[in-house]
N, C-alpha and C. Protein backbone atom coordinates (compact mmCIF):
# COMPACT_ATOMS: atom_id res chain seq x y z
N MET A 1 -84.70 -10.70 24.16
CA MET A 1 -83.49 -10.62 24.93
C MET A 1 -83.80 -10.10 26.33
N PRO A 2 -82.99 -10.47 27.31
CA PRO A 2 -83.25 -10.04 28.68
C PRO A 2 -83.01 -8.54 28.85
N ASP A 3 -83.62 -8.01 29.90
CA ASP A 3 -83.42 -6.61 30.27
C ASP A 3 -82.10 -6.49 31.00
N ASP A 4 -81.14 -5.77 30.44
CA ASP A 4 -79.82 -5.65 31.03
C ASP A 4 -79.63 -4.28 31.65
N THR A 5 -79.14 -4.27 32.87
CA THR A 5 -78.78 -3.01 33.50
C THR A 5 -77.32 -2.99 33.91
N GLY A 6 -76.70 -4.16 34.05
CA GLY A 6 -75.31 -4.24 34.45
C GLY A 6 -74.38 -4.22 33.26
N THR A 7 -73.16 -3.75 33.49
CA THR A 7 -72.17 -3.62 32.41
C THR A 7 -71.82 -4.96 31.80
N VAL A 8 -71.54 -5.98 32.62
CA VAL A 8 -71.16 -7.28 32.09
C VAL A 8 -72.30 -7.90 31.30
N ALA A 9 -73.50 -7.87 31.87
CA ALA A 9 -74.66 -8.43 31.17
C ALA A 9 -74.94 -7.66 29.89
N SER A 10 -74.81 -6.34 29.93
CA SER A 10 -75.06 -5.53 28.76
C SER A 10 -74.03 -5.84 27.66
N ALA A 11 -72.78 -6.03 28.04
CA ALA A 11 -71.75 -6.39 27.05
C ALA A 11 -72.06 -7.74 26.43
N GLN A 12 -72.52 -8.69 27.24
CA GLN A 12 -72.85 -10.01 26.70
C GLN A 12 -74.04 -9.94 25.76
N THR A 13 -75.02 -9.11 26.07
CA THR A 13 -76.17 -8.94 25.18
C THR A 13 -75.73 -8.34 23.86
N ARG A 14 -74.84 -7.34 23.90
CA ARG A 14 -74.30 -6.76 22.66
C ARG A 14 -73.64 -7.86 21.82
N ILE A 15 -72.82 -8.67 22.46
CA ILE A 15 -72.13 -9.75 21.75
C ILE A 15 -73.13 -10.71 21.15
N ASP A 16 -74.14 -11.09 21.91
CA ASP A 16 -75.16 -12.02 21.42
C ASP A 16 -75.85 -11.47 20.17
N TYR A 17 -76.25 -10.20 20.21
CA TYR A 17 -76.90 -9.60 19.05
C TYR A 17 -75.94 -9.54 17.86
N LEU A 18 -74.70 -9.15 18.10
CA LEU A 18 -73.73 -9.05 17.00
C LEU A 18 -73.42 -10.42 16.40
N GLU A 19 -73.34 -11.44 17.23
CA GLU A 19 -73.11 -12.80 16.71
C GLU A 19 -74.27 -13.25 15.83
N ARG A 20 -75.49 -12.97 16.26
CA ARG A 20 -76.66 -13.33 15.45
C ARG A 20 -76.62 -12.64 14.10
N LEU A 21 -76.31 -11.34 14.11
CA LEU A 21 -76.22 -10.61 12.85
C LEU A 21 -75.07 -11.14 12.00
N GLY A 22 -73.95 -11.44 12.63
CA GLY A 22 -72.81 -11.99 11.90
C GLY A 22 -73.16 -13.29 11.20
N ASP A 23 -73.86 -14.17 11.88
CA ASP A 23 -74.27 -15.44 11.26
C ASP A 23 -75.15 -15.19 10.04
N GLU A 24 -76.05 -14.24 10.15
CA GLU A 24 -76.94 -13.91 9.04
C GLU A 24 -76.16 -13.32 7.86
N LEU A 25 -75.19 -12.48 8.15
CA LEU A 25 -74.40 -11.85 7.09
C LEU A 25 -73.47 -12.84 6.40
N VAL A 26 -72.92 -13.78 7.15
CA VAL A 26 -72.09 -14.83 6.54
C VAL A 26 -72.94 -15.63 5.55
N GLY A 27 -74.17 -15.90 5.92
CA GLY A 27 -75.09 -16.60 5.03
C GLY A 27 -75.39 -15.82 3.76
N ARG A 28 -75.14 -14.53 3.78
CA ARG A 28 -75.36 -13.68 2.60
C ARG A 28 -74.06 -13.41 1.85
N GLY A 29 -73.00 -14.13 2.22
CA GLY A 29 -71.74 -14.03 1.50
C GLY A 29 -70.75 -13.00 1.99
N LEU A 30 -71.04 -12.34 3.10
CA LEU A 30 -70.12 -11.35 3.63
C LEU A 30 -69.19 -12.00 4.66
N ARG A 31 -68.06 -11.36 4.92
CA ARG A 31 -67.14 -11.83 5.95
C ARG A 31 -67.31 -10.97 7.18
N VAL A 32 -67.24 -11.61 8.34
CA VAL A 32 -67.44 -10.87 9.59
C VAL A 32 -66.36 -11.24 10.60
N ARG A 33 -66.10 -10.30 11.50
CA ARG A 33 -65.19 -10.55 12.61
C ARG A 33 -65.72 -9.79 13.83
N LEU A 34 -66.00 -10.50 14.89
CA LEU A 34 -66.44 -9.87 16.13
C LEU A 34 -65.23 -9.34 16.87
N THR A 35 -65.26 -8.08 17.24
CA THR A 35 -64.17 -7.45 17.97
C THR A 35 -64.68 -7.08 19.36
N VAL A 36 -63.95 -7.53 20.38
CA VAL A 36 -64.34 -7.26 21.76
C VAL A 36 -63.14 -6.64 22.49
N PRO A 37 -62.86 -5.36 22.24
CA PRO A 37 -61.72 -4.71 22.88
C PRO A 37 -62.00 -4.39 24.35
N LEU A 38 -60.97 -4.38 25.15
CA LEU A 38 -61.13 -4.03 26.57
C LEU A 38 -61.50 -2.55 26.69
N GLY A 39 -62.49 -2.27 27.50
CA GLY A 39 -62.86 -0.90 27.80
C GLY A 39 -63.76 -0.20 26.79
N THR A 40 -64.08 -0.84 25.68
CA THR A 40 -65.00 -0.24 24.72
C THR A 40 -66.02 -1.27 24.27
N ALA A 41 -67.04 -0.79 23.61
CA ALA A 41 -68.14 -1.67 23.20
C ALA A 41 -67.69 -2.65 22.11
N PRO A 42 -68.22 -3.86 22.14
CA PRO A 42 -67.95 -4.82 21.06
C PRO A 42 -68.52 -4.30 19.75
N SER A 43 -67.93 -4.73 18.65
CA SER A 43 -68.44 -4.35 17.34
C SER A 43 -68.25 -5.52 16.37
N LEU A 44 -69.00 -5.46 15.29
CA LEU A 44 -68.92 -6.47 14.25
C LEU A 44 -68.33 -5.83 13.01
N HIS A 45 -67.14 -6.26 12.64
CA HIS A 45 -66.49 -5.76 11.42
C HIS A 45 -67.01 -6.61 10.26
N VAL A 46 -67.59 -5.97 9.27
CA VAL A 46 -68.19 -6.66 8.13
C VAL A 46 -67.48 -6.21 6.86
N MET A 47 -67.14 -7.18 6.00
CA MET A 47 -66.45 -6.88 4.75
C MET A 47 -67.08 -7.65 3.60
N ASN A 48 -67.15 -6.99 2.45
CA ASN A 48 -67.57 -7.64 1.22
C ASN A 48 -66.32 -8.29 0.61
N PRO A 49 -66.25 -9.62 0.52
CA PRO A 49 -65.04 -10.27 0.01
C PRO A 49 -64.79 -10.00 -1.47
N GLU A 50 -65.80 -9.53 -2.19
CA GLU A 50 -65.63 -9.20 -3.61
C GLU A 50 -65.08 -7.80 -3.82
N ALA A 51 -65.12 -6.99 -2.76
CA ALA A 51 -64.61 -5.61 -2.82
C ALA A 51 -64.17 -5.24 -1.41
N SER A 52 -62.94 -5.59 -1.07
CA SER A 52 -62.48 -5.47 0.32
C SER A 52 -62.47 -4.04 0.86
N ALA A 53 -62.59 -3.05 0.00
CA ALA A 53 -62.70 -1.68 0.47
C ALA A 53 -64.07 -1.40 1.08
N LEU A 54 -65.04 -2.25 0.77
CA LEU A 54 -66.39 -2.09 1.30
C LEU A 54 -66.48 -2.79 2.65
N THR A 55 -66.26 -2.02 3.71
CA THR A 55 -66.29 -2.55 5.07
C THR A 55 -67.09 -1.62 5.97
N GLU A 56 -67.52 -2.16 7.08
CA GLU A 56 -68.24 -1.35 8.06
C GLU A 56 -68.15 -2.01 9.42
N ASN A 57 -68.20 -1.19 10.46
CA ASN A 57 -68.26 -1.69 11.83
C ASN A 57 -69.66 -1.42 12.37
N ILE A 58 -70.31 -2.49 12.81
CA ILE A 58 -71.69 -2.42 13.31
C ILE A 58 -71.67 -2.53 14.83
N LEU A 59 -72.50 -1.75 15.47
CA LEU A 59 -72.64 -1.79 16.93
C LEU A 59 -74.05 -2.23 17.30
N ALA A 60 -74.19 -2.76 18.49
CA ALA A 60 -75.51 -3.06 19.07
C ALA A 60 -75.60 -2.28 20.37
N GLU A 61 -76.60 -1.44 20.47
CA GLU A 61 -76.75 -0.58 21.64
C GLU A 61 -78.20 -0.56 22.10
N ARG A 62 -78.37 -0.42 23.40
CA ARG A 62 -79.71 -0.34 23.98
C ARG A 62 -80.09 1.10 24.21
N GLY A 63 -81.26 1.47 23.71
CA GLY A 63 -81.81 2.80 23.94
C GLY A 63 -83.08 2.69 24.77
N ALA A 64 -83.73 3.80 24.97
CA ALA A 64 -84.97 3.82 25.75
C ALA A 64 -86.05 2.98 25.08
N ASP A 65 -85.94 2.80 23.77
CA ASP A 65 -86.95 2.06 23.01
C ASP A 65 -86.47 0.68 22.57
N GLY A 66 -85.48 0.11 23.26
CA GLY A 66 -85.02 -1.24 22.97
C GLY A 66 -83.63 -1.28 22.37
N TRP A 67 -83.24 -2.49 21.95
CA TRP A 67 -81.92 -2.71 21.35
C TRP A 67 -81.96 -2.43 19.86
N TRP A 68 -80.89 -1.81 19.36
CA TRP A 68 -80.78 -1.43 17.95
C TRP A 68 -79.40 -1.77 17.42
N TYR A 69 -79.32 -2.04 16.12
CA TYR A 69 -78.05 -2.10 15.41
C TYR A 69 -77.76 -0.70 14.90
N TRP A 70 -76.49 -0.31 14.97
CA TRP A 70 -76.07 1.03 14.57
C TRP A 70 -74.90 0.97 13.60
N TRP A 71 -74.87 1.89 12.64
CA TRP A 71 -73.70 2.10 11.80
C TRP A 71 -72.65 2.81 12.64
N SER A 72 -71.42 2.77 12.20
CA SER A 72 -70.33 3.43 12.93
C SER A 72 -70.49 4.95 12.93
N TRP A 73 -71.26 5.49 12.00
CA TRP A 73 -71.47 6.94 11.94
C TRP A 73 -72.69 7.37 12.77
N ALA A 74 -73.12 6.51 13.71
CA ALA A 74 -74.16 6.82 14.68
C ALA A 74 -75.55 6.99 14.07
N GLU A 75 -75.86 6.16 13.09
CA GLU A 75 -77.20 6.12 12.51
C GLU A 75 -77.75 4.72 12.71
N ARG A 76 -79.02 4.64 13.09
CA ARG A 76 -79.64 3.34 13.32
C ARG A 76 -79.78 2.56 12.01
N ILE A 77 -79.57 1.25 12.13
CA ILE A 77 -79.79 0.35 11.00
C ILE A 77 -81.20 -0.21 11.10
N SER A 78 -81.47 -0.88 12.22
CA SER A 78 -82.81 -1.43 12.49
C SER A 78 -82.85 -1.89 13.92
N ALA A 79 -84.06 -2.20 14.38
CA ALA A 79 -84.20 -2.80 15.70
C ALA A 79 -83.45 -4.13 15.71
N ALA A 80 -82.78 -4.44 16.80
CA ALA A 80 -81.98 -5.67 16.88
C ALA A 80 -82.84 -6.92 16.75
N ASP A 81 -84.11 -6.83 17.09
CA ASP A 81 -84.99 -7.99 16.96
C ASP A 81 -85.44 -8.22 15.51
N ASP A 82 -85.17 -7.27 14.62
CA ASP A 82 -85.51 -7.43 13.21
C ASP A 82 -84.23 -7.79 12.45
N LEU A 83 -83.77 -9.01 12.68
CA LEU A 83 -82.50 -9.48 12.14
C LEU A 83 -82.47 -9.44 10.62
N ASN A 84 -83.55 -9.83 9.97
CA ASN A 84 -83.60 -9.83 8.51
C ASN A 84 -83.43 -8.42 7.94
N MET A 85 -84.10 -7.44 8.53
CA MET A 85 -83.99 -6.05 8.06
C MET A 85 -82.57 -5.54 8.23
N ALA A 86 -81.96 -5.82 9.38
CA ALA A 86 -80.59 -5.37 9.62
C ALA A 86 -79.63 -5.98 8.60
N ALA A 87 -79.74 -7.28 8.40
CA ALA A 87 -78.85 -7.96 7.45
C ALA A 87 -79.05 -7.44 6.04
N GLU A 88 -80.29 -7.21 5.66
CA GLU A 88 -80.58 -6.70 4.32
C GLU A 88 -79.96 -5.33 4.11
N ARG A 89 -80.09 -4.45 5.09
CA ARG A 89 -79.54 -3.09 4.95
C ARG A 89 -78.01 -3.11 4.91
N VAL A 90 -77.39 -3.91 5.74
CA VAL A 90 -75.93 -3.99 5.74
C VAL A 90 -75.45 -4.56 4.41
N ALA A 91 -76.07 -5.63 3.95
CA ALA A 91 -75.68 -6.24 2.68
C ALA A 91 -75.86 -5.26 1.52
N GLN A 92 -76.92 -4.46 1.55
CA GLN A 92 -77.17 -3.49 0.50
C GLN A 92 -76.10 -2.41 0.49
N VAL A 93 -75.74 -1.89 1.66
CA VAL A 93 -74.73 -0.84 1.74
C VAL A 93 -73.36 -1.36 1.29
N LEU A 94 -73.06 -2.61 1.59
CA LEU A 94 -71.76 -3.18 1.24
C LEU A 94 -71.75 -3.90 -0.10
N ALA A 95 -72.80 -3.78 -0.87
CA ALA A 95 -72.88 -4.44 -2.18
C ALA A 95 -71.83 -3.85 -3.13
N ALA A 96 -71.20 -4.72 -3.90
CA ALA A 96 -70.16 -4.28 -4.84
C ALA A 96 -70.73 -3.54 -6.04
N THR A 97 -71.97 -3.85 -6.39
CA THR A 97 -72.62 -3.19 -7.52
C THR A 97 -73.97 -2.66 -7.09
N SER A 98 -74.40 -1.62 -7.69
CA SER A 98 -75.69 -1.03 -7.38
C SER A 98 -76.80 -1.91 -7.92
N THR A 99 -77.91 -1.98 -7.19
CA THR A 99 -79.07 -2.74 -7.63
C THR A 99 -80.09 -1.85 -8.35
N LYS A 100 -79.76 -0.59 -8.54
CA LYS A 100 -80.69 0.35 -9.21
C LYS A 100 -80.56 0.26 -10.70
């Protein structure tokens, strides 16, 4: 992804990363909705259709060490360039049944 320093470009990069993750999560059976509110960062609302109480809002943010996907509780999910890892972690957290 390009190096963004401007607000508009940075917002578009966030959207691009969130759309990529959304496509991957849809392929894993989850429902997604990209939210782009005025004045705040875009987010990806993800829901398990088998258990609608299992939802999460994912953010994409740039840090000193690159772009990352973040949980709404301010914990990193994975580097944004590791799409498979991010999708796997989100799908695992939103799973209706435990895999243990």
